[in-house]
Each structure stands twice: as structure tokens, then as C-alpha cells.
């Protein structure tokens, strides 16, 4: 019997965003809440992470290797909007669009 896979919807990405950023839940708890496998959630978080330093890439060569305190030292931020945009871009480039 073959498994049927489905892509994450925009609503699921928003829910992951809420559970990760507002409630501070981990991968396993998020997976249980949205009814997906933990590897799916983990992969989605990895693809959709946003770092505060991403906004300042042109300054990267001039910044210290590791910031001790201040902006950009917090946990990476998952953005549902960014993740959805990236997913749509990947789908456009694939052979089988959504």
C-alpha cells in the first residue's frame, strides 16, 4: 500500500508559527497539535527559520563572528509568511507544481 503525502497548507504554517513563537512549544508538541509527523514539523521549521541578522547580510563581513548580547542573539524566528513564500517558490520550480 502506498502512502499519500500532502503539502503543508498556509493555515498549518500559521499554526506552526503560533505554536512556536507565541506558545514556545517544541517540535514534538507542535507535531501532536497539528497532526503531522515530527520530522515534517522539524523540516518545516528548518526551511522557514528567519534570523534577525538576515536583514543585514551586507554588513555580515564587518560584524563580529559571535555576538554576545543584543539584537540577533535570540532564538531563530519562524515566520509563516516567509515559509509560505519559500514553499510557493519551490513549487514553481518543481516539475509537479502544487
PDB file of N, CA and C in Angstrom:
ATOM      1  N   UNK A   1       0.846  -1.172   0.000  1.00  0.00           N
ATOM      2  CA  UNK A   1       0.000   0.000   0.000  1.00  0.00           C
ATOM      3  C   UNK A   1       0.900   1.246   0.000  1.00  0.00           C
ATOM      4  N   UNK A   2       0.604   2.207  -0.842  1.00  0.00           N
ATOM      5  CA  UNK A   2       1.414   3.419  -0.908  1.00  0.00           C
ATOM      6  C   UNK A   2       0.859   4.487   0.025  1.00  0.00           C
ATOM      7  N   UNK A   3       1.764   5.285   0.540  1.00  0.00           N
ATOM      8  CA  UNK A   3       1.352   6.383   1.414  1.00  0.00           C
ATOM      9  C   UNK A   3       1.012   7.603   0.567  1.00  0.00           C
ATOM     10  N   UNK A   4       0.061   8.360   1.021  1.00  0.00           N
ATOM     11  CA  UNK A   4      -0.320   9.587   0.334  1.00  0.00           C
ATOM     12  C   UNK A   4       0.225  10.756   1.146  1.00  0.00           C
ATOM     13  N   UNK A   5       1.033  11.563   0.505  1.00  0.00           N
ATOM     14  CA  UNK A   5       1.625  12.710   1.175  1.00  0.00           C
ATOM     15  C   UNK A   5       0.932  13.983   0.714  1.00  0.00           C
ATOM     16  N   UNK A   6       0.790  14.925   1.620  1.00  0.00           N
ATOM     17  CA  UNK A   6       0.222  16.220   1.245  1.00  0.00           C
ATOM     18  C   UNK A   6       1.131  17.325   1.765  1.00  0.00           C
ATOM     19  N   UNK A   7       1.175  18.401   1.022  1.00  0.00           N
ATOM     20  CA  UNK A   7       1.985  19.544   1.412  1.00  0.00           C
ATOM     21  C   UNK A   7       1.329  20.263   2.581  1.00  0.00           C
ATOM     22  N   UNK A   8       2.141  20.947   3.368  1.00  0.00           N
ATOM     23  CA  UNK A   8       1.584  21.767   4.438  1.00  0.00           C
ATOM     24  C   UNK A   8       0.813  22.923   3.821  1.00  0.00           C
ATOM     25  N   UNK A   9      -0.319  23.228   4.384  1.00  0.00           N
ATOM     26  CA  UNK A   9      -1.116  24.353   3.894  1.00  0.00           C
ATOM     27  C   UNK A   9      -0.658  25.637   4.580  1.00  0.00           C
ATOM     28  N   UNK A  10      -1.100  26.757   4.053  1.00  0.00           N
ATOM     29  CA  UNK A  10      -0.781  28.050   4.663  1.00  0.00           C
ATOM     30  C   UNK A  10      -1.324  28.110   6.088  1.00  0.00           C
ATOM     31  N   UNK A  11      -2.501  27.520   6.309  1.00  0.00           N
ATOM     32  CA  UNK A  11      -3.102  27.516   7.652  1.00  0.00           C
ATOM     33  C   UNK A  11      -2.250  26.720   8.635  1.00  0.00           C
ATOM     34  N   UNK A  12      -1.697  25.589   8.166  1.00  0.00           N
ATOM     35  CA  UNK A  12      -0.829  24.790   9.035  1.00  0.00           C
ATOM     36  C   UNK A  12       0.450  25.546   9.368  1.00  0.00           C
ATOM     37  N   UNK A  13       0.970  26.283   8.394  1.00  0.00           N
ATOM     38  CA  UNK A  13       2.177  27.071   8.653  1.00  0.00           C
ATOM     39  C   UNK A  13       1.901  28.179   9.668  1.00  0.00           C
ATOM     40  N   UNK A  14       0.738  28.806   9.566  1.00  0.00           N
ATOM     41  CA  UNK A  14       0.360  29.838  10.543  1.00  0.00           C
ATOM     42  C   UNK A  14       0.241  29.214  11.925  1.00  0.00           C
ATOM     43  N   UNK A  15      -0.335  28.025  12.003  1.00  0.00           N
ATOM     44  CA  UNK A  15      -0.485  27.332  13.291  1.00  0.00           C
ATOM     45  C   UNK A  15       0.884  26.987  13.876  1.00  0.00           C
ATOM     46  N   UNK A  16       1.819  26.525  13.034  1.00  0.00           N
ATOM     47  CA  UNK A  16       3.182  26.245  13.491  1.00  0.00           C
ATOM     48  C   UNK A  16       3.812  27.530  14.013  1.00  0.00           C
ATOM     49  N   UNK A  17       3.614  28.619  13.289  1.00  0.00           N
ATOM     50  CA  UNK A  17       4.122  29.933  13.695  1.00  0.00           C
ATOM     51  C   UNK A  17       3.617  30.287  15.092  1.00  0.00           C
ATOM     52  N   UNK A  18       2.321  30.154  15.305  1.00  0.00           N
ATOM     53  CA  UNK A  18       1.723  30.486  16.607  1.00  0.00           C
ATOM     54  C   UNK A  18       2.264  29.595  17.718  1.00  0.00           C
ATOM     55  N   UNK A  19       2.311  28.300  17.462  1.00  0.00           N
ATOM     56  CA  UNK A  19       2.752  27.361  18.490  1.00  0.00           C
ATOM     57  C   UNK A  19       4.231  27.534  18.829  1.00  0.00           C
ATOM     58  N   UNK A  20       5.037  27.844  17.838  1.00  0.00           N
ATOM     59  CA  UNK A  20       6.482  28.003  18.047  1.00  0.00           C
ATOM     60  C   UNK A  20       6.802  29.344  18.699  1.00  0.00           C
ATOM     61  N   UNK A  21       6.293  30.424  18.119  1.00  0.00           N
ATOM     62  CA  UNK A  21       6.706  31.758  18.549  1.00  0.00           C
ATOM     63  C   UNK A  21       5.910  32.302  19.727  1.00  0.00           C
ATOM     64  N   UNK A  22       4.630  32.018  19.788  1.00  0.00           N
ATOM     65  CA  UNK A  22       3.811  32.575  20.876  1.00  0.00           C
ATOM     66  C   UNK A  22       3.762  31.668  22.092  1.00  0.00           C
ATOM     67  N   UNK A  23       3.603  30.357  21.842  1.00  0.00           N
ATOM     68  CA  UNK A  23       3.477  29.425  22.958  1.00  0.00           C
ATOM     69  C   UNK A  23       4.801  28.774  23.333  1.00  0.00           C
ATOM     70  N   UNK A  24       5.813  28.908  22.478  1.00  0.00           N
ATOM     71  CA  UNK A  24       7.138  28.385  22.781  1.00  0.00           C
ATOM     72  C   UNK A  24       7.240  26.869  22.808  1.00  0.00           C
ATOM     73  N   UNK A  25       6.388  26.187  22.065  1.00  0.00           N
ATOM     74  CA  UNK A  25       6.396  24.724  22.062  1.00  0.00           C
ATOM     75  C   UNK A  25       7.527  24.179  21.200  1.00  0.00           C
ATOM     76  N   UNK A  26       7.929  22.953  21.498  1.00  0.00           N
ATOM     77  CA  UNK A  26       8.953  22.272  20.733  1.00  0.00           C
ATOM     78  C   UNK A  26       8.359  21.513  19.558  1.00  0.00           C
ATOM     79  N   UNK A  27       9.225  20.871  18.814  1.00  0.00           N
ATOM     80  CA  UNK A  27       8.828  20.165  17.596  1.00  0.00           C
ATOM     81  C   UNK A  27       7.804  19.071  17.885  1.00  0.00           C
ATOM     82  N   UNK A  28       8.045  18.251  18.900  1.00  0.00           N
ATOM     83  CA  UNK A  28       7.128  17.142  19.194  1.00  0.00           C
ATOM     84  C   UNK A  28       5.738  17.630  19.584  1.00  0.00           C
ATOM     85  N   UNK A  29       5.687  18.655  20.420  1.00  0.00           N
ATOM     86  CA  UNK A  29       4.388  19.177  20.849  1.00  0.00           C
ATOM     87  C   UNK A  29       3.625  19.793  19.677  1.00  0.00           C
ATOM     88  N   UNK A  30       4.342  20.510  18.815  1.00  0.00           N
ATOM     89  CA  UNK A  30       3.709  21.109  17.635  1.00  0.00           C
ATOM     90  C   UNK A  30       3.158  20.007  16.732  1.00  0.00           C
ATOM     91  N   UNK A  31       3.953  18.960  16.510  1.00  0.00           N
ATOM     92  CA  UNK A  31       3.528  17.853  15.649  1.00  0.00           C
ATOM     93  C   UNK A  31       2.255  17.200  16.179  1.00  0.00           C
ATOM     94  N   UNK A  32       2.187  17.001  17.483  1.00  0.00           N
ATOM     95  CA  UNK A  32       0.983  16.409  18.077  1.00  0.00           C
ATOM     96  C   UNK A  32      -0.232  17.307  17.890  1.00  0.00           C
ATOM     97  N   UNK A  33      -0.041  18.605  18.060  1.00  0.00           N
ATOM     98  CA  UNK A  33      -1.168  19.544  17.966  1.00  0.00           C
ATOM     99  C   UNK A  33      -1.722  19.668  16.556  1.00  0.00           C
ATOM    100  N   UNK A  34      -0.842  19.629  15.540  1.00  0.00           N
ATOM    101  CA  UNK A  34      -1.336  19.811  14.166  1.00  0.00           C
ATOM    102  C   UNK A  34      -1.572  18.490  13.445  1.00  0.00           C
ATOM    103  N   UNK A  35      -1.212  17.380  14.083  1.00  0.00           N
ATOM    104  CA  UNK A  35      -1.467  16.071  13.488  1.00  0.00           C
ATOM    105  C   UNK A  35      -0.521  15.700  12.365  1.00  0.00           C
ATOM    106  N   UNK A  36       0.713  16.140  12.461  1.00  0.00           N
ATOM    107  CA  UNK A  36       1.742  15.807  11.476  1.00  0.00           C
ATOM    108  C   UNK A  36       2.893  15.107  12.180  1.00  0.00           C
ATOM    109  N   UNK A  37       3.743  14.456  11.404  1.00  0.00           N
ATOM    110  CA  UNK A  37       4.904  13.791  11.966  1.00  0.00           C
ATOM    111  C   UNK A  37       5.920  14.830  12.429  1.00  0.00           C
ATOM    112  N   UNK A  38       6.695  14.469  13.454  1.00  0.00           N
ATOM    113  CA  UNK A  38       7.675  15.419  13.987  1.00  0.00           C
ATOM    114  C   UNK A  38       8.754  15.763  12.963  1.00  0.00           C
ATOM    115  N   UNK A  39       9.072  14.834  12.063  1.00  0.00           N
ATOM    116  CA  UNK A  39      10.077  15.131  11.043  1.00  0.00           C
ATOM    117  C   UNK A  39       9.561  16.179  10.054  1.00  0.00           C
ATOM    118  N   UNK A  40       8.262  16.168   9.775  1.00  0.00           N
ATOM    119  CA  UNK A  40       7.655  17.173   8.893  1.00  0.00           C
ATOM    120  C   UNK A  40       7.760  18.553   9.523  1.00  0.00           C
ATOM    121  N   UNK A  41       7.432  18.632  10.808  1.00  0.00           N
ATOM    122  CA  UNK A  41       7.494  19.913  11.521  1.00  0.00           C
ATOM    123  C   UNK A  41       8.936  20.386  11.614  1.00  0.00           C
ATOM    124  N   UNK A  42       9.848  19.477  11.929  1.00  0.00           N
ATOM    125  CA  UNK A  42      11.261  19.829  12.036  1.00  0.00           C
ATOM    126  C   UNK A  42      11.789  20.375  10.712  1.00  0.00           C
ATOM    127  N   UNK A  43      11.460  19.697   9.622  1.00  0.00           N
ATOM    128  CA  UNK A  43      11.890  20.134   8.287  1.00  0.00           C
ATOM    129  C   UNK A  43      11.308  21.503   7.950  1.00  0.00           C
ATOM    130  N   UNK A  44      10.038  21.697   8.279  1.00  0.00           N
ATOM    131  CA  UNK A  44       9.382  22.976   8.001  1.00  0.00           C
ATOM    132  C   UNK A  44      10.030  24.103   8.791  1.00  0.00           C
ATOM    133  N   UNK A  45      10.324  23.853  10.053  1.00  0.00           N
ATOM    134  CA  UNK A  45      10.976  24.880  10.869  1.00  0.00           C
ATOM    135  C   UNK A  45      12.356  25.210  10.317  1.00  0.00           C
ATOM    136  N   UNK A  46      13.085  24.198   9.892  1.00  0.00           N
ATOM    137  CA  UNK A  46      14.421  24.422   9.341  1.00  0.00           C
ATOM    138  C   UNK A  46      14.342  25.261   8.065  1.00  0.00           C
ATOM    139  N   UNK A  47      13.357  24.983   7.235  1.00  0.00           N
ATOM    140  CA  UNK A  47      13.213  25.724   5.975  1.00  0.00           C
ATOM    141  C   UNK A  47      12.708  27.145   6.178  1.00  0.00           C
ATOM    142  N   UNK A  48      11.888  27.354   7.201  1.00  0.00           N
ATOM    143  CA  UNK A  48      11.241  28.651   7.379  1.00  0.00           C
ATOM    144  C   UNK A  48      11.846  29.535   8.444  1.00  0.00           C
ATOM    145  N   UNK A  49      13.015  29.154   8.975  1.00  0.00           N
ATOM    146  CA  UNK A  49      13.615  29.978  10.025  1.00  0.00           C
ATOM    147  C   UNK A  49      14.098  31.310   9.478  1.00  0.00           C
ATOM    148  N   UNK A  50      13.957  32.297  10.302  1.00  0.00           N
ATOM    149  CA  UNK A  50      14.379  33.645   9.957  1.00  0.00           C
ATOM    150  C   UNK A  50      15.256  34.153  11.094  1.00  0.00           C
ATOM    151  N   UNK A  51      16.421  34.646  10.761  1.00  0.00           N
ATOM    152  CA  UNK A  51      17.331  35.195  11.753  1.00  0.00           C
ATOM    153  C   UNK A  51      17.321  36.710  11.624  1.00  0.00           C
ATOM    154  N   UNK A  52      17.385  37.391  12.737  1.00  0.00           N
ATOM    155  CA  UNK A  52      17.386  38.851  12.702  1.00  0.00           C
ATOM    156  C   UNK A  52      18.537  39.361  11.846  1.00  0.00           C
ATOM    157  N   UNK A  53      19.647  38.651  11.838  1.00  0.00           N
ATOM    158  CA  UNK A  53      20.806  39.085  11.062  1.00  0.00           C
ATOM    159  C   UNK A  53      20.588  38.934   9.557  1.00  0.00           C
ATOM    160  N   UNK A  54      19.549  38.201   9.128  1.00  0.00           N
ATOM    161  CA  UNK A  54      19.270  38.066   7.697  1.00  0.00           C
ATOM    162  C   UNK A  54      18.977  39.413   7.051  1.00  0.00           C
ATOM    163  N   UNK A  55      18.465  40.344   7.835  1.00  0.00           N
ATOM    164  CA  UNK A  55      18.144  41.665   7.308  1.00  0.00           C
ATOM    165  C   UNK A  55      19.400  42.479   7.020  1.00  0.00           C
ATOM    166  N   UNK A  56      20.517  42.093   7.599  1.00  0.00           N
ATOM    167  CA  UNK A  56      21.746  42.881   7.486  1.00  0.00           C
ATOM    168  C   UNK A  56      22.867  42.097   6.825  1.00  0.00           C
ATOM    169  N   UNK A  57      22.553  41.312   5.811  1.00  0.00           N
ATOM    170  CA  UNK A  57      23.571  40.488   5.171  1.00  0.00           C
ATOM    171  C   UNK A  57      24.718  41.302   4.591  1.00  0.00           C
ATOM    172  N   UNK A  58      24.455  42.507   4.125  1.00  0.00           N
ATOM    173  CA  UNK A  58      25.528  43.298   3.532  1.00  0.00           C
ATOM    174  C   UNK A  58      26.565  43.717   4.573  1.00  0.00           C
ATOM    175  N   UNK A  59      26.169  43.725   5.842  1.00  0.00           N
ATOM    176  CA  UNK A  59      27.102  44.100   6.900  1.00  0.00           C
ATOM    177  C   UNK A  59      27.805  42.898   7.514  1.00  0.00           C
ATOM    178  N   UNK A  60      27.443  41.709   7.104  1.00  0.00           N
ATOM    179  CA  UNK A  60      27.972  40.489   7.716  1.00  0.00           C
ATOM    180  C   UNK A  60      29.507  40.453   7.782  1.00  0.00           C
ATOM    181  N   UNK A  61      30.237  40.828   6.716  1.00  0.00           N
ATOM    182  CA  UNK A  61      31.701  40.745   6.809  1.00  0.00           C
ATOM    183  C   UNK A  61      32.295  41.649   7.891  1.00  0.00           C
ATOM    184  N   UNK A  62      31.580  42.686   8.279  1.00  0.00           N
ATOM    185  CA  UNK A  62      32.110  43.650   9.231  1.00  0.00           C
ATOM    186  C   UNK A  62      31.670  43.380  10.663  1.00  0.00           C
ATOM    187  N   UNK A  63      30.799  42.393  10.850  1.00  0.00           N
ATOM    188  CA  UNK A  63      30.281  42.099  12.182  1.00  0.00           C
ATOM    189  C   UNK A  63      31.144  41.048  12.863  1.00  0.00           C
ATOM    190  N   UNK A  64      31.162  41.058  14.189  1.00  0.00           N
ATOM    191  CA  UNK A  64      31.914  40.017  14.899  1.00  0.00           C
ATOM    192  C   UNK A  64      31.344  38.636  14.584  1.00  0.00           C
ATOM    193  N   UNK A  65      32.182  37.625  14.689  1.00  0.00           N
ATOM    194  CA  UNK A  65      31.736  36.263  14.385  1.00  0.00           C
ATOM    195  C   UNK A  65      30.575  35.851  15.276  1.00  0.00           C
ATOM    196  N   UNK A  66      30.664  36.149  16.561  1.00  0.00           N
ATOM    197  CA  UNK A  66      29.597  35.808  17.502  1.00  0.00           C
ATOM    198  C   UNK A  66      29.240  37.033  18.311  1.00  0.00           C
ATOM    199  N   UNK A  67      27.979  37.352  18.318  1.00  0.00           N
ATOM    200  CA  UNK A  67      27.516  38.448  19.154  1.00  0.00           C
ATOM    201  C   UNK A  67      27.241  37.903  20.544  1.00  0.00           C
ATOM    202  N   UNK A  68      27.699  38.601  21.561  1.00  0.00           N
ATOM    203  CA  UNK A  68      27.495  38.137  22.931  1.00  0.00           C
ATOM    204  C   UNK A  68      26.108  38.513  23.440  1.00  0.00           C
ATOM    205  N   UNK A  69      25.679  39.735  23.191  1.00  0.00           N
ATOM    206  CA  UNK A  69      24.377  40.196  23.660  1.00  0.00           C
ATOM    207  C   UNK A  69      23.763  41.092  22.598  1.00  0.00           C
ATOM    208  N   UNK A  70      22.517  41.446  22.808  1.00  0.00           N
ATOM    209  CA  UNK A  70      21.863  42.400  21.919  1.00  0.00           C
ATOM    210  C   UNK A  70      21.026  41.728  20.846  1.00  0.00           C
ATOM    211  N   UNK A  71      20.618  42.542  19.891  1.00  0.00           N
ATOM    212  CA  UNK A  71      19.733  42.067  18.821  1.00  0.00           C
ATOM    213  C   UNK A  71      20.407  40.966  18.016  1.00  0.00           C
ATOM    214  N   UNK A  72      19.633  39.992  17.641  1.00  0.00           N
ATOM    215  CA  UNK A  72      20.156  38.921  16.806  1.00  0.00           C
ATOM    216  C   UNK A  72      20.716  37.745  17.573  1.00  0.00           C
ATOM    217  N   UNK A  73      20.755  37.831  18.895  1.00  0.00           N
ATOM    218  CA  UNK A  73      21.298  36.722  19.674  1.00  0.00           C
ATOM    219  C   UNK A  73      20.205  35.796  20.176  1.00  0.00           C
ATOM    220  N   UNK A  74      18.973  36.161  19.964  1.00  0.00           N
ATOM    221  CA  UNK A  74      17.847  35.345  20.424  1.00  0.00           C
ATOM    222  C   UNK A  74      17.664  34.126  19.522  1.00  0.00           C
ATOM    223  N   UNK A  75      16.757  33.262  19.917  1.00  0.00           N
ATOM    224  CA  UNK A  75      16.433  32.061  19.159  1.00  0.00           C
ATOM    225  C   UNK A  75      15.919  32.460  17.772  1.00  0.00           C
ATOM    226  N   UNK A  76      16.264  31.680  16.751  1.00  0.00           N
ATOM    227  CA  UNK A  76      15.751  31.976  15.409  1.00  0.00           C
ATOM    228  C   UNK A  76      14.229  32.015  15.408  1.00  0.00           C
ATOM    229  N   UNK A  77      13.680  32.816  14.541  1.00  0.00           N
ATOM    230  CA  UNK A  77      12.251  33.077  14.489  1.00  0.00           C
ATOM    231  C   UNK A  77      11.658  32.370  13.283  1.00  0.00           C
ATOM    232  N   UNK A  78      10.548  31.655  13.470  1.00  0.00           N
ATOM    233  CA  UNK A  78       9.851  31.015  12.356  1.00  0.00           C
ATOM    234  C   UNK A  78       8.763  31.958  11.874  1.00  0.00           C
ATOM    235  N   UNK A  79       8.767  32.249  10.590  1.00  0.00           N
ATOM    236  CA  UNK A  79       7.772  33.135  10.002  1.00  0.00           C
ATOM    237  C   UNK A  79       6.929  32.352   8.999  1.00  0.00           C
ATOM    238  N   UNK A  80       5.629  32.236   9.269  1.00  0.00           N
ATOM    239  CA  UNK A  80       4.728  31.506   8.374  1.00  0.00           C
ATOM    240  C   UNK A  80       4.686  32.153   6.995  1.00  0.00           C
ATOM    241  N   UNK A  81       4.688  33.476   6.951  1.00  0.00           N
ATOM    242  CA  UNK A  81       4.642  34.187   5.673  1.00  0.00           C
ATOM    243  C   UNK A  81       5.879  33.880   4.835  1.00  0.00           C
ATOM    244  N   UNK A  82       7.047  33.944   5.467  1.00  0.00           N
ATOM    245  CA  UNK A  82       8.291  33.634   4.768  1.00  0.00           C
ATOM    246  C   UNK A  82       8.305  32.181   4.315  1.00  0.00           C
ATOM    247  N   UNK A  83       7.875  31.279   5.189  1.00  0.00           N
ATOM    248  CA  UNK A  83       7.857  29.852   4.851  1.00  0.00           C
ATOM    249  C   UNK A  83       6.913  29.572   3.689  1.00  0.00           C
ATOM    250  N   UNK A  84       5.757  30.203   3.672  1.00  0.00           N
ATOM    251  CA  UNK A  84       4.793  30.000   2.586  1.00  0.00           C
ATOM    252  C   UNK A  84       5.354  30.529   1.270  1.00  0.00           C
ATOM    253  N   UNK A  85       5.999  31.684   1.326  1.00  0.00           N
ATOM    254  CA  UNK A  85       6.614  32.251   0.124  1.00  0.00           C
ATOM    255  C   UNK A  85       7.687  31.308  -0.435  1.00  0.00           C
ATOM    256  N   UNK A  86       8.521  30.769   0.460  1.00  0.00           N
ATOM    257  CA  UNK A  86       9.566  29.841   0.026  1.00  0.00           C
ATOM    258  C   UNK A  86       8.960  28.574  -0.568  1.00  0.00           C
ATOM    259  N   UNK A  87       7.890  28.061   0.034  1.00  0.00           N
ATOM    260  CA  UNK A  87       7.229  26.850  -0.468  1.00  0.00           C
ATOM    261  C   UNK A  87       6.651  27.089  -1.856  1.00  0.00           C
ATOM    262  N   UNK A  88       6.047  28.244  -2.056  1.00  0.00           N
ATOM    263  CA  UNK A  88       5.481  28.568  -3.371  1.00  0.00           C
ATOM    264  C   UNK A  88       6.578  28.698  -4.420  1.00  0.00           C
ATOM    265  N   UNK A  89       7.714  29.261  -4.032  1.00  0.00           N
ATOM    266  CA  UNK A  89       8.847  29.381  -4.945  1.00  0.00           C
ATOM    267  C   UNK A  89       9.370  28.001  -5.322  1.00  0.00           C
ATOM    268  N   UNK A  90       9.508  27.118  -4.325  1.00  0.00           N
ATOM    269  CA  UNK A  90       9.960  25.752  -4.606  1.00  0.00           C
ATOM    270  C   UNK A  90       8.970  25.028  -5.514  1.00  0.00           C
ATOM    271  N   UNK A  91       7.678  25.230  -5.287  1.00  0.00           N
ATOM    272  CA  UNK A  91       6.650  24.570  -6.099  1.00  0.00           C
ATOM    273  C   UNK A  91       6.694  25.061  -7.547  1.00  0.00           C
ATOM    274  N   UNK A  92       6.940  26.344  -7.743  1.00  0.00           N
ATOM    275  CA  UNK A  92       7.028  26.882  -9.107  1.00  0.00           C
ATOM    276  C   UNK A  92       8.211  26.278  -9.855  1.00  0.00           C
ATOM    277  N   UNK A  93       9.303  26.031  -9.130  1.00  0.00           N
ATOM    278  CA  UNK A  93      10.495  25.486  -9.764  1.00  0.00           C
ATOM    279  C   UNK A  93      10.425  23.976  -9.967  1.00  0.00           C
ATOM    280  N   UNK A  94       9.522  23.308  -9.277  1.00  0.00           N
ATOM    281  CA  UNK A  94       9.460  21.846  -9.358  1.00  0.00           C
ATOM    282  C   UNK A  94       8.767  21.404 -10.641  1.00  0.00           C
ATOM    283  N   UNK A  95       8.866  20.132 -10.911  1.00  0.00           N
ATOM    284  CA  UNK A  95       8.211  19.582 -12.098  1.00  0.00           C
ATOM    285  C   UNK A  95       6.723  19.389 -11.873  1.00  0.00           C
ATOM    286  N   UNK A  96       6.341  19.201 -10.609  1.00  0.00           N
ATOM    287  CA  UNK A  96       4.930  18.980 -10.276  1.00  0.00           C
ATOM    288  C   UNK A  96       4.453  20.101  -9.355  1.00  0.00           C
ATOM    289  N   UNK A  97       3.985  21.197  -9.901  1.00  0.00           N
ATOM    290  CA  UNK A  97       3.520  22.303  -9.055  1.00  0.00           C
ATOM    291  C   UNK A  97       2.333  21.890  -8.190  1.00  0.00           C
ATOM    292  N   UNK A  98       2.107  22.662  -7.136  1.00  0.00           N
ATOM    293  CA  UNK A  98       1.007  22.372  -6.204  1.00  0.00           C
ATOM    294  C   UNK A  98      -0.328  22.358  -6.895  1.00  0.00           C
TER     295      UNK A  98
END
